Amino acid sequence: MLDLSFSKPSEIVKRLCERLRTERLASQMTQSEVAARAGIGTNTVSNLEAGRNVGFENIVRVAMVLGRTKELEGLFLPRLDSLDDIRRYENSANRRRIKRKPGNA
């Protein structure tokens, strides 16, 4: 596993795109096959692997084709390290907007 905590966003995109390509090759699929199964164009797959025009929905589609949706489930999970965190998370489910703090315009 790579530590991405000190990486620039562009570096993270590059690494993820490299992994996507590696996973496709390990699955012995061509870009055309992935594209057809994901419902996207071959150029889109090529661009994803090169880190160009990376759209999140397209990444999700390719991840689904490659059988990697479990990894997506871990994105943006709440951090629940304490009872207060759990209460705050449960209460936030009912809120629609974050209130503006005084002094912030």
PDB file of N, CA and C in Angstrom:
ATOM      1  N   MET A   1       0.843  -1.180   0.000  1.00  0.00           N
ATOM      2  CA  MET A   1       0.000   0.000   0.000  1.00  0.00           C
ATOM      3  C   MET A   1       0.888   1.243   0.000  1.00  0.00           C
ATOM      4  N   LEU A   2       0.502   2.226  -0.770  1.00  0.00           N
ATOM      5  CA  LEU A   2       1.277   3.462  -0.865  1.00  0.00           C
ATOM      6  C   LEU A   2       0.761   4.490   0.118  1.00  0.00           C
ATOM      7  N   ASP A   3       1.675   5.237   0.706  1.00  0.00           N
ATOM      8  CA  ASP A   3       1.289   6.348   1.572  1.00  0.00           C
ATOM      9  C   ASP A   3       1.127   7.576   0.694  1.00  0.00           C
ATOM     10  N   LEU A   4      -0.122   8.016   0.530  1.00  0.00           N
ATOM     11  CA  LEU A   4      -0.416   9.145  -0.336  1.00  0.00           C
ATOM     12  C   LEU A   4      -0.589  10.449   0.433  1.00  0.00           C
ATOM     13  N   SER A   5      -0.320  10.436   1.726  1.00  0.00           N
ATOM     14  CA  SER A   5      -0.616  11.601   2.558  1.00  0.00           C
ATOM     15  C   SER A   5       0.228  12.827   2.211  1.00  0.00           C
ATOM     16  N   PHE A   6       1.392  12.650   1.629  1.00  0.00           N
ATOM     17  CA  PHE A   6       2.244  13.787   1.288  1.00  0.00           C
ATOM     18  C   PHE A   6       2.356  13.985  -0.228  1.00  0.00           C
ATOM     19  N   SER A   7       1.419  13.435  -0.949  1.00  0.00           N
ATOM     20  CA  SER A   7       1.443  13.524  -2.404  1.00  0.00           C
ATOM     21  C   SER A   7       0.583  14.678  -2.894  1.00  0.00           C
ATOM     22  N   LYS A   8       0.936  15.185  -4.042  1.00  0.00           N
ATOM     23  CA  LYS A   8       0.108  16.186  -4.708  1.00  0.00           C
ATOM     24  C   LYS A   8      -1.050  15.455  -5.381  1.00  0.00           C
ATOM     25  N   PRO A   9      -2.178  16.149  -5.579  1.00  0.00           N
ATOM     26  CA  PRO A   9      -3.295  15.488  -6.265  1.00  0.00           C
ATOM     27  C   PRO A   9      -2.907  14.890  -7.611  1.00  0.00           C
ATOM     28  N   SER A  10      -2.094  15.598  -8.373  1.00  0.00           N
ATOM     29  CA  SER A  10      -1.687  15.078  -9.690  1.00  0.00           C
ATOM     30  C   SER A  10      -0.866  13.791  -9.550  1.00  0.00           C
ATOM     31  N   GLU A  11      -0.074  13.685  -8.479  1.00  0.00           N
ATOM     32  CA  GLU A  11       0.716  12.471  -8.249  1.00  0.00           C
ATOM     33  C   GLU A  11      -0.189  11.300  -7.882  1.00  0.00           C
ATOM     34  N   ILE A  12      -1.221  11.570  -7.102  1.00  0.00           N
ATOM     35  CA  ILE A  12      -2.174  10.522  -6.721  1.00  0.00           C
ATOM     36  C   ILE A  12      -2.908  10.028  -7.960  1.00  0.00           C
ATOM     37  N   VAL A  13      -3.358  10.959  -8.797  1.00  0.00           N
ATOM     38  CA  VAL A  13      -4.045  10.585 -10.041  1.00  0.00           C
ATOM     39  C   VAL A  13      -3.126   9.709 -10.887  1.00  0.00           C
ATOM     40  N   LYS A  14      -1.875  10.110 -11.014  1.00  0.00           N
ATOM     41  CA  LYS A  14      -0.921   9.341 -11.822  1.00  0.00           C
ATOM     42  C   LYS A  14      -0.767   7.921 -11.286  1.00  0.00           C
ATOM     43  N   ARG A  15      -0.608   7.792  -9.983  1.00  0.00           N
ATOM     44  CA  ARG A  15      -0.444   6.459  -9.384  1.00  0.00           C
ATOM     45  C   ARG A  15      -1.690   5.605  -9.575  1.00  0.00           C
ATOM     46  N   LEU A  16      -2.858   6.212  -9.367  1.00  0.00           N
ATOM     47  CA  LEU A  16      -4.096   5.452  -9.529  1.00  0.00           C
ATOM     48  C   LEU A  16      -4.293   5.026 -10.986  1.00  0.00           C
ATOM     49  N   CYS A  17      -3.938   5.886 -11.899  1.00  0.00           N
ATOM     50  CA  CYS A  17      -4.062   5.555 -13.323  1.00  0.00           C
ATOM     51  C   CYS A  17      -3.100   4.438 -13.709  1.00  0.00           C
ATOM     52  N   GLU A  18      -1.899   4.460 -13.141  1.00  0.00           N
ATOM     53  CA  GLU A  18      -0.943   3.378 -13.388  1.00  0.00           C
ATOM     54  C   GLU A  18      -1.487   2.062 -12.845  1.00  0.00           C
ATOM     55  N   ARG A  19      -2.105   2.124 -11.680  1.00  0.00           N
ATOM     56  CA  ARG A  19      -2.689   0.912 -11.095  1.00  0.00           C
ATOM     57  C   ARG A  19      -3.841   0.397 -11.952  1.00  0.00           C
ATOM     58  N   LEU A  20      -4.637   1.325 -12.470  1.00  0.00           N
ATOM     59  CA  LEU A  20      -5.754   0.943 -13.324  1.00  0.00           C
ATOM     60  C   LEU A  20      -5.242   0.168 -14.536  1.00  0.00           C
ATOM     61  N   ARG A  21      -4.207   0.680 -15.173  1.00  0.00           N
ATOM     62  CA  ARG A  21      -3.622   0.018 -16.341  1.00  0.00           C
ATOM     63  C   ARG A  21      -3.077  -1.356 -15.960  1.00  0.00           C
ATOM     64  N   THR A  22      -2.363  -1.418 -14.851  1.00  0.00           N
ATOM     65  CA  THR A  22      -1.794  -2.682 -14.390  1.00  0.00           C
ATOM     66  C   THR A  22      -2.891  -3.700 -14.115  1.00  0.00           C
ATOM     67  N   GLU A  23      -3.966  -3.252 -13.488  1.00  0.00           N
ATOM     68  CA  GLU A  23      -5.089  -4.148 -13.191  1.00  0.00           C
ATOM     69  C   GLU A  23      -5.749  -4.648 -14.479  1.00  0.00           C
ATOM     70  N   ARG A  24      -5.907  -3.754 -15.454  1.00  0.00           N
ATOM     71  CA  ARG A  24      -6.493  -4.160 -16.743  1.00  0.00           C
ATOM     72  C   ARG A  24      -5.629  -5.212 -17.406  1.00  0.00           C
ATOM     73  N   LEU A  25      -4.302  -4.984 -17.421  1.00  0.00           N
ATOM     74  CA  LEU A  25      -3.384  -5.937 -18.041  1.00  0.00           C
ATOM     75  C   LEU A  25      -3.374  -7.266 -17.284  1.00  0.00           C
ATOM     76  N   ALA A  26      -3.442  -7.208 -15.964  1.00  0.00           N
ATOM     77  CA  ALA A  26      -3.476  -8.433 -15.165  1.00  0.00           C
ATOM     78  C   ALA A  26      -4.760  -9.221 -15.427  1.00  0.00           C
ATOM     79  N   SER A  27      -5.830  -8.496 -15.774  1.00  0.00           N
ATOM     80  CA  SER A  27      -7.103  -9.141 -16.113  1.00  0.00           C
ATOM     81  C   SER A  27      -7.128  -9.611 -17.562  1.00  0.00           C
ATOM     82  N   GLN A  28      -6.025  -9.394 -18.266  1.00  0.00           N
ATOM     83  CA  GLN A  28      -5.853  -9.789 -19.659  1.00  0.00           C
ATOM     84  C   GLN A  28      -6.980  -9.230 -20.535  1.00  0.00           C
ATOM     85  N   MET A  29      -7.255  -7.933 -20.334  1.00  0.00           N
ATOM     86  CA  MET A  29      -8.279  -7.257 -21.115  1.00  0.00           C
ATOM     87  C   MET A  29      -7.641  -6.125 -21.907  1.00  0.00           C
ATOM     88  N   THR A  30      -8.154  -5.910 -23.105  1.00  0.00           N
ATOM     89  CA  THR A  30      -7.697  -4.776 -23.901  1.00  0.00           C
ATOM     90  C   THR A  30      -8.463  -3.530 -23.469  1.00  0.00           C
ATOM     91  N   GLN A  31      -7.955  -2.390 -23.876  1.00  0.00           N
ATOM     92  CA  GLN A  31      -8.672  -1.155 -23.597  1.00  0.00           C
ATOM     93  C   GLN A  31     -10.050  -1.190 -24.240  1.00  0.00           C
ATOM     94  N   SER A  32     -10.148  -1.758 -25.414  1.00  0.00           N
ATOM     95  CA  SER A  32     -11.429  -1.853 -26.119  1.00  0.00           C
ATOM     96  C   SER A  32     -12.424  -2.720 -25.356  1.00  0.00           C
ATOM     97  N   GLU A  33     -11.944  -3.820 -24.800  1.00  0.00           N
ATOM     98  CA  GLU A  33     -12.832  -4.705 -24.023  1.00  0.00           C
ATOM     99  C   GLU A  33     -13.349  -4.008 -22.773  1.00  0.00           C
ATOM    100  N   VAL A  34     -12.455  -3.334 -22.068  1.00  0.00           N
ATOM    101  CA  VAL A  34     -12.875  -2.606 -20.867  1.00  0.00           C
ATOM    102  C   VAL A  34     -13.874  -1.522 -21.238  1.00  0.00           C
ATOM    103  N   ALA A  35     -13.573  -0.792 -22.293  1.00  0.00           N
ATOM    104  CA  ALA A  35     -14.452   0.286 -22.730  1.00  0.00           C
ATOM    105  C   ALA A  35     -15.846  -0.236 -23.061  1.00  0.00           C
ATOM    106  N   ALA A  36     -15.908  -1.324 -23.818  1.00  0.00           N
ATOM    107  CA  ALA A  36     -17.196  -1.881 -24.213  1.00  0.00           C
ATOM    108  C   ALA A  36     -18.003  -2.333 -22.994  1.00  0.00           C
ATOM    109  N   ARG A  37     -17.353  -2.987 -22.066  1.00  0.00           N
ATOM    110  CA  ARG A  37     -18.057  -3.479 -20.868  1.00  0.00           C
ATOM    111  C   ARG A  37     -18.448  -2.343 -19.930  1.00  0.00           C
ATOM    112  N   ALA A  38     -17.664  -1.256 -19.930  1.00  0.00           N
ATOM    113  CA  ALA A  38     -17.954  -0.119 -19.049  1.00  0.00           C
ATOM    114  C   ALA A  38     -18.930   0.871 -19.684  1.00  0.00           C
ATOM    115  N   GLY A  39     -19.176   0.715 -20.976  1.00  0.00           N
ATOM    116  CA  GLY A  39     -20.068   1.633 -21.659  1.00  0.00           C
ATOM    117  C   GLY A  39     -19.447   2.991 -21.927  1.00  0.00           C
ATOM    118  N   ILE A  40     -18.139   2.990 -22.142  1.00  0.00           N
ATOM    119  CA  ILE A  40     -17.408   4.219 -22.446  1.00  0.00           C
ATOM    120  C   ILE A  40     -16.548   3.976 -23.675  1.00  0.00           C
ATOM    121  N   GLY A  41     -15.971   5.018 -24.230  1.00  0.00           N
ATOM    122  CA  GLY A  41     -15.142   4.885 -25.416  1.00  0.00           C
ATOM    123  C   GLY A  41     -13.738   4.383 -25.098  1.00  0.00           C
ATOM    124  N   THR A  42     -13.123   3.773 -26.105  1.00  0.00           N
ATOM    125  CA  THR A  42     -11.745   3.300 -25.955  1.00  0.00           C
ATOM    126  C   THR A  42     -10.807   4.464 -25.647  1.00  0.00           C
ATOM    127  N   ASN A  43     -11.050   5.613 -26.271  1.00  0.00           N
ATOM    128  CA  ASN A  43     -10.224   6.793 -25.983  1.00  0.00           C
ATOM    129  C   ASN A  43     -10.348   7.212 -24.519  1.00  0.00           C
ATOM    130  N   THR A  44     -11.526   7.032 -23.937  1.00  0.00           N
ATOM    131  CA  THR A  44     -11.719   7.379 -22.529  1.00  0.00           C
ATOM    132  C   THR A  44     -10.853   6.495 -21.644  1.00  0.00           C
ATOM    133  N   VAL A  45     -10.815   5.197 -21.935  1.00  0.00           N
ATOM    134  CA  VAL A  45      -9.964   4.281 -21.170  1.00  0.00           C
ATOM    135  C   VAL A  45      -8.501   4.669 -21.338  1.00  0.00           C
ATOM    136  N   SER A  46      -8.100   4.976 -22.558  1.00  0.00           N
ATOM    137  CA  SER A  46      -6.731   5.394 -22.824  1.00  0.00           C
ATOM    138  C   SER A  46      -6.394   6.662 -22.036  1.00  0.00           C
ATOM    139  N   ASN A  47      -7.309   7.618 -22.055  1.00  0.00           N
ATOM    140  CA  ASN A  47      -7.093   8.862 -21.305  1.00  0.00           C
ATOM    141  C   ASN A  47      -7.025   8.615 -19.803  1.00  0.00           C
ATOM    142  N   LEU A  48      -7.872   7.731 -19.301  1.00  0.00           N
ATOM    143  CA  LEU A  48      -7.829   7.410 -17.870  1.00  0.00           C
ATOM    144  C   LEU A  48      -6.464   6.832 -17.492  1.00  0.00           C
ATOM    145  N   GLU A  49      -5.992   5.915 -18.282  1.00  0.00           N
ATOM    146  CA  GLU A  49      -4.709   5.280 -17.981  1.00  0.00           C
ATOM    147  C   GLU A  49      -3.549   6.264 -18.088  1.00  0.00           C
ATOM    148  N   ALA A  50      -3.718   7.295 -18.891  1.00  0.00           N
ATOM    149  CA  ALA A  50      -2.676   8.307 -19.055  1.00  0.00           C
ATOM    150  C   ALA A  50      -2.849   9.474 -18.080  1.00  0.00           C
ATOM    151  N   GLY A  51      -3.946   9.468 -17.317  1.00  0.00           N
ATOM    152  CA  GLY A  51      -4.185  10.544 -16.347  1.00  0.00           C
ATOM    153  C   GLY A  51      -4.748  11.805 -16.969  1.00  0.00           C
ATOM    154  N   ARG A  52      -5.281  11.699 -18.162  1.00  0.00           N
ATOM    155  CA  ARG A  52      -5.878  12.851 -18.838  1.00  0.00           C
ATOM    156  C   ARG A  52      -7.397  12.740 -18.754  1.00  0.00           C
ATOM    157  N   ASN A  53      -8.050  13.876 -18.499  1.00  0.00           N
ATOM    158  CA  ASN A  53      -9.511  13.915 -18.492  1.00  0.00           C
ATOM    159  C   ASN A  53     -10.109  12.817 -17.620  1.00  0.00           C
ATOM    160  N   VAL A  54      -9.624  12.734 -16.401  1.00  0.00           N
ATOM    161  CA  VAL A  54     -10.070  11.689 -15.493  1.00  0.00           C
ATOM    162  C   VAL A  54     -11.382  12.116 -14.840  1.00  0.00           C
ATOM    163  N   GLY A  55     -12.463  11.480 -15.246  1.00  0.00           N
ATOM    164  CA  GLY A  55     -13.768  11.735 -14.649  1.00  0.00           C
ATOM    165  C   GLY A  55     -14.080  10.645 -13.633  1.00  0.00           C
ATOM    166  N   PHE A  56     -14.627  11.036 -12.500  1.00  0.00           N
ATOM    167  CA  PHE A  56     -14.853  10.070 -11.427  1.00  0.00           C
ATOM    168  C   PHE A  56     -15.827   8.973 -11.857  1.00  0.00           C
ATOM    169  N   GLU A  57     -16.874   9.335 -12.566  1.00  0.00           N
ATOM    170  CA  GLU A  57     -17.838   8.317 -12.993  1.00  0.00           C
ATOM    171  C   GLU A  57     -17.174   7.285 -13.898  1.00  0.00           C
ATOM    172  N   ASN A  58     -16.282   7.738 -14.762  1.00  0.00           N
ATOM    173  CA  ASN A  58     -15.581   6.801 -15.637  1.00  0.00           C
ATOM    174  C   ASN A  58     -14.655   5.883 -14.852  1.00  0.00           C
ATOM    175  N   ILE A  59     -14.031   6.409 -13.827  1.00  0.00           N
ATOM    176  CA  ILE A  59     -13.189   5.574 -12.964  1.00  0.00           C
ATOM    177  C   ILE A  59     -14.038   4.510 -12.290  1.00  0.00           C
ATOM    178  N   VAL A  60     -15.208   4.902 -11.807  1.00  0.00           N
ATOM    179  CA  VAL A  60     -16.115   3.959 -11.154  1.00  0.00           C
ATOM    180  C   VAL A  60     -16.544   2.879 -12.148  1.00  0.00           C
ATOM    181  N   ARG A  61     -16.880   3.270 -13.352  1.00  0.00           N
ATOM    182  CA  ARG A  61     -17.297   2.300 -14.368  1.00  0.00           C
ATOM    183  C   ARG A  61     -16.197   1.274 -14.647  1.00  0.00           C
ATOM    184  N   VAL A  62     -14.970   1.751 -14.816  1.00  0.00           N
ATOM    185  CA  VAL A  62     -13.850   0.841 -15.095  1.00  0.00           C
ATOM    186  C   VAL A  62     -13.567  -0.036 -13.872  1.00  0.00           C
ATOM    187  N   ALA A  63     -13.639   0.532 -12.675  1.00  0.00           N
ATOM    188  CA  ALA A  63     -13.428  -0.258 -11.459  1.00  0.00           C
ATOM    189  C   ALA A  63     -14.464  -1.381 -11.365  1.00  0.00           C
ATOM    190  N   MET A  64     -15.693  -1.085 -11.755  1.00  0.00           N
ATOM    191  CA  MET A  64     -16.738  -2.105 -11.739  1.00  0.00           C
ATOM    192  C   MET A  64     -16.417  -3.229 -12.717  1.00  0.00           C
ATOM    193  N   VAL A  65     -15.971  -2.887 -13.918  1.00  0.00           N
ATOM    194  CA  VAL A  65     -15.619  -3.891 -14.921  1.00  0.00           C
ATOM    195  C   VAL A  65     -14.470  -4.758 -14.422  1.00  0.00           C
ATOM    196  N   LEU A  66     -13.505  -4.149 -13.742  1.00  0.00           N
ATOM    197  CA  LEU A  66     -12.331  -4.881 -13.262  1.00  0.00           C
ATOM    198  C   LEU A  66     -12.582  -5.580 -11.918  1.00  0.00           C
ATOM    199  N   GLY A  67     -13.814  -5.494 -11.416  1.00  0.00           N
ATOM    200  CA  GLY A  67     -14.149  -6.173 -10.164  1.00  0.00           C
ATOM    201  C   GLY A  67     -13.519  -5.542  -8.939  1.00  0.00           C
ATOM    202  N   ARG A  68     -13.344  -4.228  -8.942  1.00  0.00           N
ATOM    203  CA  ARG A  68     -12.671  -3.546  -7.835  1.00  0.00           C
ATOM    204  C   ARG A  68     -13.596  -2.599  -7.075  1.00  0.00           C
ATOM    205  N   THR A  69     -14.889  -2.885  -7.028  1.00  0.00           N
ATOM    206  CA  THR A  69     -15.822  -1.989  -6.339  1.00  0.00           C
ATOM    207  C   THR A  69     -15.647  -2.011  -4.823  1.00  0.00           C
ATOM    208  N   LYS A  70     -15.126  -3.091  -4.277  1.00  0.00           N
ATOM    209  CA  LYS A  70     -14.895  -3.144  -2.818  1.00  0.00           C
ATOM    210  C   LYS A  70     -13.962  -2.024  -2.375  1.00  0.00           C
ATOM    211  N   GLU A  71     -12.961  -1.739  -3.198  1.00  0.00           N
ATOM    212  CA  GLU A  71     -12.030  -0.669  -2.859  1.00  0.00           C
ATOM    213  C   GLU A  71     -12.714   0.685  -2.859  1.00  0.00           C
ATOM    214  N   LEU A  72     -13.689   0.869  -3.731  1.00  0.00           N
ATOM    215  CA  LEU A  72     -14.419   2.135  -3.784  1.00  0.00           C
ATOM    216  C   LEU A  72     -15.286   2.342  -2.550  1.00  0.00           C
ATOM    217  N   GLU A  73     -15.759   1.243  -1.971  1.00  0.00           N
ATOM    218  CA  GLU A  73     -16.605   1.347  -0.786  1.00  0.00           C
ATOM    219  C   GLU A  73     -15.892   2.019   0.381  1.00  0.00           C
ATOM    220  N   GLY A  74     -14.574   1.939   0.404  1.00  0.00           N
ATOM    221  CA  GLY A  74     -13.815   2.530   1.498  1.00  0.00           C
ATOM    222  C   GLY A  74     -13.613   4.031   1.382  1.00  0.00           C
ATOM    223  N   LEU A  75     -13.973   4.612   0.224  1.00  0.00           N
ATOM    224  CA  LEU A  75     -13.798   6.052   0.042  1.00  0.00           C
ATOM    225  C   LEU A  75     -14.781   6.830   0.901  1.00  0.00           C
ATOM    226  N   PHE A  76     -14.299   7.813   1.569  1.00  0.00           N
ATOM    227  CA  PHE A  76     -15.103   8.764   2.327  1.00  0.00           C
ATOM    228  C   PHE A  76     -15.950   8.127   3.429  1.00  0.00           C
ATOM    229  N   LEU A  77     -15.483   7.014   3.958  1.00  0.00           N
ATOM    230  CA  LEU A  77     -16.163   6.460   5.129  1.00  0.00           C
ATOM    231  C   LEU A  77     -15.934   7.395   6.308  1.00  0.00           C
ATOM    232  N   PRO A  78     -16.908   7.493   7.196  1.00  0.00           N
ATOM    233  CA  PRO A  78     -16.719   8.387   8.345  1.00  0.00           C
ATOM    234  C   PRO A  78     -15.650   7.843   9.287  1.00  0.00           C
ATOM    235  N   ARG A  79     -14.940   8.755   9.909  1.00  0.00           N
ATOM    236  CA  ARG A  79     -13.965   8.371  10.938  1.00  0.00           C
ATOM    237  C   ARG A  79     -14.695   8.388  12.265  1.00  0.00           C
ATOM    238  N   LEU A  80     -14.874   7.218  12.816  1.00  0.00           N
ATOM    239  CA  LEU A  80     -15.613   7.085  14.061  1.00  0.00           C
ATOM    240  C   LEU A  80     -14.687   6.489  15.114  1.00  0.00           C
ATOM    241  N   ASP A  81     -13.869   7.373  15.700  1.00  0.00           N
ATOM    242  CA  ASP A  81     -12.875   6.930  16.668  1.00  0.00           C
ATOM    243  C   ASP A  81     -13.352   7.008  18.111  1.00  0.00           C
ATOM    244  N   SER A  82     -14.454   7.695  18.333  1.00  0.00           N
ATOM    245  CA  SER A  82     -14.946   7.855  19.697  1.00  0.00           C
ATOM    246  C   SER A  82     -16.467   7.913  19.687  1.00  0.00           C
ATOM    247  N   LEU A  83     -17.045   7.863  20.859  1.00  0.00           N
ATOM    248  CA  LEU A  83     -18.497   7.959  20.998  1.00  0.00           C
ATOM    249  C   LEU A  83     -18.991   9.319  20.510  1.00  0.00           C
ATOM    250  N   ASP A  84     -18.217  10.365  20.775  1.00  0.00           N
ATOM    251  CA  ASP A  84     -18.580  11.700  20.285  1.00  0.00           C
ATOM    252  C   ASP A  84     -18.613  11.732  18.754  1.00  0.00           C
ATOM    253  N   ASP A  85     -17.665  11.062  18.122  1.00  0.00           N
ATOM    254  CA  ASP A  85     -17.649  10.996  16.659  1.00  0.00           C
ATOM    255  C   ASP A  85     -18.913  10.314  16.134  1.00  0.00           C
ATOM    256  N   ILE A  86     -19.315   9.238  16.786  1.00  0.00           N
ATOM    257  CA  ILE A  86     -20.517   8.513  16.371  1.00  0.00           C
ATOM    258  C   ILE A  86     -21.747   9.393  16.519  1.00  0.00           C
ATOM    259  N   ARG A  87     -21.857  10.086  17.657  1.00  0.00           N
ATOM    260  CA  ARG A  87     -23.006  10.978  17.876  1.00  0.00           C
ATOM    261  C   ARG A  87     -23.029  12.104  16.849  1.00  0.00           C
ATOM    262  N   ARG A  88     -21.875  12.710  16.590  1.00  0.00           N
ATOM    263  CA  ARG A  88     -21.784  13.792  15.621  1.00  0.00           C
ATOM    264  C   ARG A  88     -22.181  13.292  14.224  1.00  0.00           C
ATOM    265  N   TYR A  89     -21.742  12.104  13.884  1.00  0.00           N
ATOM    266  CA  TYR A  89     -22.072  11.531  12.582  1.00  0.00           C
ATOM    267  C   TYR A  89     -23.567  11.262  12.469  1.00  0.00           C
ATOM    268  N   GLU A  90     -24.147  10.684  13.510  1.00  0.00           N
ATOM    269  CA  GLU A  90     -25.582  10.405  13.488  1.00  0.00           C
ATOM    270  C   GLU A  90     -26.396  11.691  13.401  1.00  0.00           C
ATOM    271  N   ASN A  91     -25.973  12.721  14.126  1.00  0.00           N
ATOM    272  CA  ASN A  91     -26.678  14.002  14.082  1.00  0.00           C
ATOM    273  C   ASN A  91     -26.524  14.684  12.728  1.00  0.00           C
ATOM    274  N   SER A  92     -25.388  14.486  12.080  1.00  0.00           N
ATOM    275  CA  SER A  92     -25.153  15.146  10.794  1.00  0.00           C
ATOM    276  C   SER A  92     -26.016  14.550   9.693  1.00  0.00           C
ATOM    277  N   ALA A  93     -26.508  13.342   9.885  1.00  0.00           N
ATOM    278  CA  ALA A  93     -27.351  12.714   8.874  1.00  0.00           C
ATOM    279  C   ALA A  93     -28.640  13.500   8.667  1.00  0.00           C
ATOM    280  N   ASN A  94     -29.085  14.232   9.693  1.00  0.00           N
ATOM    281  CA  ASN A  94     -30.314  15.014   9.599  1.00  0.00           C
ATOM    282  C   ASN A  94     -30.076  16.412   9.064  1.00  0.00           C
ATOM    283  N   ARG A  95     -28.835  16.898   9.140  1.00  0.00           N
ATOM    284  CA  ARG A  95     -28.519  18.251   8.673  1.00  0.00           C
ATOM    285  C   ARG A  95     -28.337  18.274   7.177  1.00  0.00           C
ATOM    286  N   ARG A  96     -28.763  19.365   6.576  1.00  0.00           N
ATOM    287  CA  ARG A  96     -28.618  19.510   5.131  1.00  0.00           C
ATOM    288  C   ARG A  96     -27.491  20.468   4.770  1.00  0.00           C
ATOM    289  N   ARG A  97     -27.248  21.466   5.605  1.00  0.00           N
ATOM    290  CA  ARG A  97     -26.216  22.455   5.325  1.00  0.00           C
ATOM    291  C   ARG A  97     -25.399  22.695   6.581  1.00  0.00           C
ATOM    292  N   ILE A  98     -24.174  23.087   6.382  1.00  0.00           N
ATOM    293  CA  ILE A  98     -23.320  23.459   7.510  1.00  0.00           C
ATOM    294  C   ILE A  98     -23.540  24.931   7.775  1.00  0.00           C
ATOM    295  N   LYS A  99     -23.758  25.254   9.046  1.00  0.00           N
ATOM    296  CA  LYS A  99     -23.976  26.638   9.409  1.00  0.00           C
ATOM    297  C   LYS A  99     -22.688  27.423   9.289  1.00  0.00           C
ATOM    298  N   ARG A 100     -22.815  28.630   8.789  1.00  0.00           N
ATOM    299  CA  ARG A 100     -21.663  29.517   8.645  1.00  0.00           C
ATOM    300  C   ARG A 100     -21.203  29.984  10.012  1.00  0.00           C
ATOM    301  N   LYS A 101     -19.923  29.959  10.229  1.00  0.00           N
ATOM    302  CA  LYS A 101     -19.363  30.395  11.503  1.00  0.00           C
ATOM    303  C   LYS A 101     -19.327  31.923  11.536  1.00  0.00           C
ATOM    304  N   PRO A 102     -19.549  32.525  12.690  1.00  0.00           N
ATOM    305  CA  PRO A 102     -19.485  33.987  12.783  1.00  0.00           C
ATOM    306  C   PRO A 102     -18.108  34.498  12.358  1.00  0.00           C
ATOM    307  N   GLY A 103     -18.108  35.583  11.587  1.00  0.00           N
ATOM    308  CA  GLY A 103     -16.857  36.177  11.136  1.00  0.00           C
ATOM    309  C   GLY A 103     -16.407  35.681   9.783  1.00  0.00           C
ATOM    310  N   ASN A 104     -17.037  34.596   9.274  1.00  0.00           N
ATOM    311  CA  ASN A 104     -16.705  34.091   7.932  1.00  0.00           C
ATOM    312  C   ASN A 104     -17.748  34.579   6.957  1.00  0.00           C
ATOM    313  N   ALA A 105     -17.323  35.333   5.966  1.00  0.00           N
ATOM    314  CA  ALA A 105     -18.284  35.847   4.983  1.00  0.00           C
ATOM    315  C   ALA A 105     -18.289  35.028   3.737  1.00  0.00           C
TER     316      ALA A 105
END
